[in-house]
Amino acid sequence: MSANVSTILVVEDDDIVRMLIVDVLEELEFKVLEADGSEQALAMLKDSSQHIDLMMTDVGLPGMDGRELATEARKLRPALPILFASGYAESIDVPAGMHVIGKPFSIDQLRDKVTGILNG
């Protein structure tokens, strides 16, 4: 792996879905951090030694949902790009610097979306 590998934090409470997303991103040669919900994700975001280039989060998380998590994440890391995954993508308005991918998505769609955000 080259030194300029991007690190993506994947927040998804469904273990199987999270595993699939992580597998795809790792195959695309990203470094992936996993969180099963907002608490775990925020702990990683608070760790200033942990480099994160993008947070990908499910909108429908139990407890603090993906939008609330994004708001908290931006307080900790104001420039962090955020990608929401949602089964209702077309009905979501997202703030600047945040993006949406509709579920279910293909590997190609995920790759294109992530690389587009990171290269944008």
N, C-alpha and C. Protein backbone atom coordinates (compact mmCIF):
# COMPACT_ATOMS: atom_id res chain seq x y z
N MET A 1 0.83 -1.20 0.00
CA MET A 1 0.00 0.00 0.00
C MET A 1 0.87 1.25 0.00
N SER A 2 0.49 2.20 -0.81
CA SER A 2 1.26 3.44 -0.85
C SER A 2 0.88 4.32 0.32
N ALA A 3 1.71 5.29 0.59
CA ALA A 3 1.50 6.15 1.75
C ALA A 3 0.29 7.05 1.59
N ASN A 4 -0.13 7.26 0.33
CA ASN A 4 -1.24 8.18 0.14
C ASN A 4 -2.58 7.46 0.01
N VAL A 5 -2.69 6.33 0.69
CA VAL A 5 -3.95 5.60 0.71
C VAL A 5 -4.95 6.40 1.56
N SER A 6 -6.15 6.57 1.05
CA SER A 6 -7.17 7.29 1.80
C SER A 6 -7.80 6.38 2.84
N THR A 7 -8.14 6.97 3.99
CA THR A 7 -8.78 6.22 5.07
C THR A 7 -10.25 6.59 5.14
N ILE A 8 -11.09 5.58 5.13
CA ILE A 8 -12.53 5.79 5.15
C ILE A 8 -13.12 5.15 6.41
N LEU A 9 -13.88 5.93 7.14
CA LEU A 9 -14.58 5.43 8.32
C LEU A 9 -15.99 5.04 7.89
N VAL A 10 -16.31 3.76 8.03
CA VAL A 10 -17.62 3.23 7.64
C VAL A 10 -18.47 3.02 8.90
N VAL A 11 -19.60 3.69 8.95
CA VAL A 11 -20.50 3.58 10.10
C VAL A 11 -21.80 2.93 9.64
N GLU A 12 -22.02 1.72 10.11
CA GLU A 12 -23.19 0.94 9.65
C GLU A 12 -23.52 -0.05 10.75
N ASP A 13 -24.78 -0.04 11.22
CA ASP A 13 -25.14 -0.92 12.33
C ASP A 13 -25.44 -2.35 11.89
N ASP A 14 -25.71 -2.54 10.60
CA ASP A 14 -25.96 -3.89 10.10
C ASP A 14 -24.61 -4.55 9.77
N ASP A 15 -24.25 -5.58 10.56
CA ASP A 15 -22.92 -6.19 10.43
C ASP A 15 -22.64 -6.69 9.01
N ILE A 16 -23.64 -7.28 8.38
CA ILE A 16 -23.42 -7.87 7.05
C ILE A 16 -23.21 -6.78 6.01
N VAL A 17 -24.04 -5.75 6.07
CA VAL A 17 -23.89 -4.64 5.14
C VAL A 17 -22.54 -3.97 5.33
N ARG A 18 -22.18 -3.76 6.61
CA ARG A 18 -20.89 -3.12 6.90
C ARG A 18 -19.75 -3.95 6.36
N MET A 19 -19.82 -5.25 6.55
CA MET A 19 -18.77 -6.14 6.07
C MET A 19 -18.62 -6.05 4.55
N LEU A 20 -19.75 -6.01 3.86
CA LEU A 20 -19.72 -5.92 2.40
C LEU A 20 -19.09 -4.61 1.94
N ILE A 21 -19.49 -3.50 2.58
CA ILE A 21 -18.93 -2.20 2.20
C ILE A 21 -17.43 -2.18 2.47
N VAL A 22 -17.03 -2.69 3.63
CA VAL A 22 -15.61 -2.72 3.99
C VAL A 22 -14.83 -3.56 2.98
N ASP A 23 -15.37 -4.73 2.63
CA ASP A 23 -14.70 -5.60 1.65
C ASP A 23 -14.49 -4.87 0.33
N VAL A 24 -15.52 -4.20 -0.13
CA VAL A 24 -15.43 -3.48 -1.41
C VAL A 24 -14.38 -2.38 -1.33
N LEU A 25 -14.43 -1.58 -0.27
CA LEU A 25 -13.49 -0.47 -0.14
C LEU A 25 -12.05 -0.98 0.00
N GLU A 26 -11.87 -2.09 0.72
CA GLU A 26 -10.52 -2.65 0.85
C GLU A 26 -10.02 -3.18 -0.48
N GLU A 27 -10.92 -3.78 -1.27
CA GLU A 27 -10.53 -4.24 -2.60
C GLU A 27 -10.11 -3.08 -3.47
N LEU A 28 -10.72 -1.93 -3.25
CA LEU A 28 -10.39 -0.71 -3.99
C LEU A 28 -9.14 -0.04 -3.40
N GLU A 29 -8.54 -0.72 -2.42
CA GLU A 29 -7.28 -0.30 -1.80
C GLU A 29 -7.38 0.94 -0.93
N PHE A 30 -8.53 1.08 -0.28
CA PHE A 30 -8.65 2.11 0.74
C PHE A 30 -8.34 1.46 2.08
N LYS A 31 -7.90 2.28 3.03
CA LYS A 31 -7.79 1.81 4.41
C LYS A 31 -9.16 2.05 5.03
N VAL A 32 -9.70 1.07 5.73
CA VAL A 32 -11.05 1.20 6.26
C VAL A 32 -11.09 1.04 7.77
N LEU A 33 -11.79 1.96 8.41
CA LEU A 33 -12.09 1.85 9.84
C LEU A 33 -13.57 1.54 9.94
N GLU A 34 -13.94 0.71 10.91
CA GLU A 34 -15.35 0.32 11.04
C GLU A 34 -15.92 0.78 12.37
N ALA A 35 -17.17 1.23 12.30
CA ALA A 35 -17.91 1.55 13.52
C ALA A 35 -19.32 1.00 13.37
N ASP A 36 -19.85 0.42 14.45
CA ASP A 36 -21.20 -0.16 14.35
C ASP A 36 -22.27 0.83 14.78
N GLY A 37 -21.87 2.06 15.03
CA GLY A 37 -22.83 3.08 15.41
C GLY A 37 -22.12 4.39 15.73
N SER A 38 -22.91 5.37 16.13
CA SER A 38 -22.38 6.72 16.32
C SER A 38 -21.35 6.83 17.44
N GLU A 39 -21.59 6.11 18.53
CA GLU A 39 -20.65 6.22 19.66
C GLU A 39 -19.26 5.78 19.26
N GLN A 40 -19.19 4.63 18.62
CA GLN A 40 -17.90 4.10 18.18
C GLN A 40 -17.26 5.05 17.16
N ALA A 41 -18.07 5.58 16.26
CA ALA A 41 -17.56 6.49 15.24
C ALA A 41 -17.00 7.76 15.87
N LEU A 42 -17.73 8.33 16.83
CA LEU A 42 -17.28 9.56 17.47
C LEU A 42 -15.99 9.35 18.25
N ALA A 43 -15.85 8.18 18.85
CA ALA A 43 -14.61 7.88 19.57
C ALA A 43 -13.42 7.93 18.60
N MET A 44 -13.61 7.38 17.40
CA MET A 44 -12.53 7.41 16.40
C MET A 44 -12.28 8.83 15.91
N LEU A 45 -13.35 9.58 15.72
CA LEU A 45 -13.22 10.96 15.23
C LEU A 45 -12.53 11.85 16.27
N LYS A 46 -12.73 11.54 17.55
CA LYS A 46 -12.11 12.34 18.61
C LYS A 46 -10.62 12.04 18.75
N ASP A 47 -10.19 10.91 18.21
CA ASP A 47 -8.77 10.52 18.31
C ASP A 47 -8.00 11.28 17.23
N SER A 48 -7.36 12.36 17.65
CA SER A 48 -6.71 13.24 16.67
C SER A 48 -5.53 12.57 15.96
N SER A 49 -5.03 11.46 16.52
CA SER A 49 -3.92 10.77 15.85
C SER A 49 -4.45 9.90 14.71
N GLN A 50 -5.78 9.72 14.65
CA GLN A 50 -6.38 8.86 13.64
C GLN A 50 -6.75 9.69 12.41
N HIS A 51 -6.05 9.43 11.31
CA HIS A 51 -6.32 10.15 10.07
C HIS A 51 -7.58 9.57 9.41
N ILE A 52 -8.51 10.43 9.03
CA ILE A 52 -9.72 9.98 8.33
C ILE A 52 -9.98 10.94 7.17
N ASP A 53 -10.12 10.38 5.97
CA ASP A 53 -10.35 11.21 4.78
C ASP A 53 -11.83 11.36 4.43
N LEU A 54 -12.62 10.38 4.86
CA LEU A 54 -14.04 10.37 4.50
C LEU A 54 -14.79 9.53 5.51
N MET A 55 -15.97 10.00 5.90
CA MET A 55 -16.84 9.17 6.73
C MET A 55 -18.05 8.78 5.90
N MET A 56 -18.27 7.48 5.82
CA MET A 56 -19.45 6.97 5.13
C MET A 56 -20.38 6.43 6.19
N THR A 57 -21.58 6.97 6.27
CA THR A 57 -22.49 6.53 7.32
C THR A 57 -23.88 6.23 6.80
N ASP A 58 -24.49 5.22 7.39
CA ASP A 58 -25.88 4.94 7.12
C ASP A 58 -26.70 6.07 7.75
N VAL A 59 -27.79 6.46 7.11
CA VAL A 59 -28.62 7.51 7.70
C VAL A 59 -29.39 6.95 8.88
N GLY A 60 -29.94 5.74 8.73
CA GLY A 60 -30.78 5.16 9.77
C GLY A 60 -30.01 4.36 10.80
N LEU A 61 -29.26 5.03 11.63
CA LEU A 61 -28.56 4.34 12.72
C LEU A 61 -29.44 4.37 13.97
N PRO A 62 -29.32 3.35 14.81
CA PRO A 62 -30.06 3.39 16.08
C PRO A 62 -29.45 4.44 17.01
N GLY A 63 -30.23 4.99 17.89
CA GLY A 63 -29.71 6.04 18.78
C GLY A 63 -29.51 7.31 17.98
N MET A 64 -28.30 7.83 17.98
CA MET A 64 -28.00 9.01 17.20
C MET A 64 -27.96 8.62 15.72
N ASP A 65 -28.80 9.24 14.90
CA ASP A 65 -28.83 8.84 13.49
C ASP A 65 -27.68 9.45 12.70
N GLY A 66 -27.60 9.08 11.44
CA GLY A 66 -26.47 9.50 10.61
C GLY A 66 -26.33 11.00 10.47
N ARG A 67 -27.48 11.70 10.40
CA ARG A 67 -27.42 13.16 10.28
C ARG A 67 -26.84 13.80 11.54
N GLU A 68 -27.32 13.33 12.68
CA GLU A 68 -26.82 13.86 13.96
C GLU A 68 -25.34 13.54 14.11
N LEU A 69 -24.97 12.33 13.70
CA LEU A 69 -23.57 11.94 13.75
C LEU A 69 -22.73 12.88 12.87
N ALA A 70 -23.24 13.19 11.69
CA ALA A 70 -22.52 14.08 10.77
C ALA A 70 -22.31 15.46 11.40
N THR A 71 -23.34 15.95 12.08
CA THR A 71 -23.25 17.26 12.73
C THR A 71 -22.15 17.24 13.79
N GLU A 72 -22.14 16.17 14.60
CA GLU A 72 -21.11 16.03 15.64
C GLU A 72 -19.72 15.86 15.03
N ALA A 73 -19.67 15.07 13.95
CA ALA A 73 -18.39 14.81 13.28
C ALA A 73 -17.79 16.12 12.77
N ARG A 74 -18.64 16.98 12.24
CA ARG A 74 -18.18 18.26 11.69
C ARG A 74 -17.68 19.21 12.78
N LYS A 75 -18.21 19.04 13.99
CA LYS A 75 -17.71 19.86 15.11
C LYS A 75 -16.27 19.45 15.42
N LEU A 76 -16.02 18.14 15.30
CA LEU A 76 -14.69 17.61 15.60
C LEU A 76 -13.72 17.80 14.43
N ARG A 77 -14.23 17.62 13.24
CA ARG A 77 -13.42 17.69 12.02
C ARG A 77 -14.20 18.48 10.97
N PRO A 78 -14.08 19.80 11.00
CA PRO A 78 -14.92 20.66 10.16
C PRO A 78 -14.82 20.39 8.66
N ALA A 79 -13.69 19.90 8.19
CA ALA A 79 -13.51 19.72 6.75
C ALA A 79 -13.80 18.30 6.27
N LEU A 80 -14.24 17.44 7.18
CA LEU A 80 -14.41 16.03 6.83
C LEU A 80 -15.54 15.82 5.82
N PRO A 81 -15.23 15.23 4.65
CA PRO A 81 -16.32 14.90 3.73
C PRO A 81 -17.15 13.75 4.30
N ILE A 82 -18.45 13.82 4.08
CA ILE A 82 -19.35 12.80 4.63
C ILE A 82 -20.24 12.27 3.52
N LEU A 83 -20.33 10.94 3.47
CA LEU A 83 -21.17 10.27 2.48
C LEU A 83 -22.26 9.51 3.22
N PHE A 84 -23.50 9.87 2.96
CA PHE A 84 -24.63 9.17 3.57
C PHE A 84 -25.08 8.04 2.63
N ALA A 85 -25.36 6.89 3.21
CA ALA A 85 -25.97 5.80 2.45
C ALA A 85 -27.41 5.71 2.91
N SER A 86 -28.33 5.73 1.94
CA SER A 86 -29.73 5.71 2.32
C SER A 86 -30.59 5.04 1.27
N GLY A 87 -31.59 4.32 1.74
CA GLY A 87 -32.56 3.73 0.83
C GLY A 87 -33.51 4.77 0.26
N TYR A 88 -33.42 5.98 0.80
CA TYR A 88 -34.31 7.06 0.36
C TYR A 88 -33.49 8.24 -0.11
N ALA A 89 -32.46 7.96 -0.90
CA ALA A 89 -31.47 8.98 -1.26
C ALA A 89 -32.09 10.21 -1.92
N GLU A 90 -33.09 9.97 -2.77
CA GLU A 90 -33.61 11.10 -3.54
C GLU A 90 -34.39 12.08 -2.66
N SER A 91 -34.76 11.66 -1.46
CA SER A 91 -35.56 12.55 -0.61
C SER A 91 -34.72 13.22 0.47
N ILE A 92 -33.40 13.10 0.37
CA ILE A 92 -32.55 13.66 1.42
C ILE A 92 -31.86 14.93 0.95
N ASP A 93 -31.99 15.97 1.74
CA ASP A 93 -31.22 17.19 1.49
C ASP A 93 -29.99 17.12 2.37
N VAL A 94 -28.83 17.29 1.78
CA VAL A 94 -27.63 17.24 2.60
C VAL A 94 -26.90 18.57 2.56
N PRO A 95 -26.28 18.93 3.68
CA PRO A 95 -25.52 20.17 3.75
C PRO A 95 -24.31 20.13 2.82
N ALA A 96 -23.72 21.27 2.60
CA ALA A 96 -22.53 21.38 1.75
C ALA A 96 -21.43 20.46 2.25
N GLY A 97 -20.72 19.85 1.33
CA GLY A 97 -19.61 18.97 1.70
C GLY A 97 -20.07 17.59 2.11
N MET A 98 -21.38 17.35 2.00
CA MET A 98 -21.91 16.04 2.31
C MET A 98 -22.57 15.47 1.06
N HIS A 99 -22.55 14.18 0.94
CA HIS A 99 -22.99 13.51 -0.28
C HIS A 99 -23.90 12.35 0.08
N VAL A 100 -24.64 11.86 -0.91
CA VAL A 100 -25.56 10.74 -0.66
C VAL A 100 -25.38 9.68 -1.73
N ILE A 101 -25.40 8.43 -1.32
CA ILE A 101 -25.46 7.32 -2.27
C ILE A 101 -26.70 6.50 -1.91
N GLY A 102 -27.48 6.15 -2.92
CA GLY A 102 -28.71 5.40 -2.65
C GLY A 102 -28.43 3.93 -2.45
N LYS A 103 -29.12 3.34 -1.49
CA LYS A 103 -29.03 1.89 -1.29
C LYS A 103 -30.17 1.23 -2.05
N PRO A 104 -29.99 0.08 -2.64
CA PRO A 104 -28.69 -0.62 -2.74
C PRO A 104 -27.84 0.02 -3.83
N PHE A 105 -26.53 -0.04 -3.65
CA PHE A 105 -25.63 0.51 -4.66
C PHE A 105 -24.71 -0.58 -5.16
N SER A 106 -24.22 -0.41 -6.37
CA SER A 106 -23.28 -1.39 -6.93
C SER A 106 -21.86 -1.03 -6.49
N ILE A 107 -20.97 -1.97 -6.66
CA ILE A 107 -19.56 -1.75 -6.35
C ILE A 107 -19.04 -0.57 -7.18
N ASP A 108 -19.43 -0.52 -8.45
CA ASP A 108 -18.97 0.57 -9.32
C ASP A 108 -19.49 1.92 -8.83
N GLN A 109 -20.75 1.95 -8.43
CA GLN A 109 -21.32 3.20 -7.94
C GLN A 109 -20.59 3.67 -6.68
N LEU A 110 -20.31 2.72 -5.79
CA LEU A 110 -19.61 3.07 -4.56
C LEU A 110 -18.22 3.59 -4.87
N ARG A 111 -17.51 2.88 -5.75
CA ARG A 111 -16.16 3.30 -6.12
C ARG A 111 -16.17 4.72 -6.73
N ASP A 112 -17.08 4.93 -7.67
CA ASP A 112 -17.14 6.22 -8.36
C ASP A 112 -17.48 7.35 -7.39
N LYS A 113 -18.41 7.07 -6.49
CA LYS A 113 -18.83 8.09 -5.53
C LYS A 113 -17.67 8.44 -4.59
N VAL A 114 -17.04 7.42 -4.04
CA VAL A 114 -15.96 7.64 -3.08
C VAL A 114 -14.77 8.34 -3.74
N THR A 115 -14.36 7.84 -4.91
CA THR A 115 -13.21 8.47 -5.57
C THR A 115 -13.55 9.89 -6.00
N GLY A 116 -14.80 10.09 -6.42
CA GLY A 116 -15.23 11.44 -6.80
C GLY A 116 -15.14 12.42 -5.65
N ILE A 117 -15.57 11.98 -4.48
CA ILE A 117 -15.53 12.83 -3.30
C ILE A 117 -14.08 13.12 -2.89
N LEU A 118 -13.27 12.07 -2.86
CA LEU A 118 -11.88 12.21 -2.40
C LEU A 118 -11.05 13.03 -3.38
N ASN A 119 -11.38 12.95 -4.67
CA ASN A 119 -10.62 13.70 -5.66
C ASN A 119 -11.20 15.08 -5.90
N GLY A 120 -12.42 15.27 -5.38
CA GLY A 120 -13.12 16.53 -5.60
C GLY A 120 -12.46 17.65 -4.83
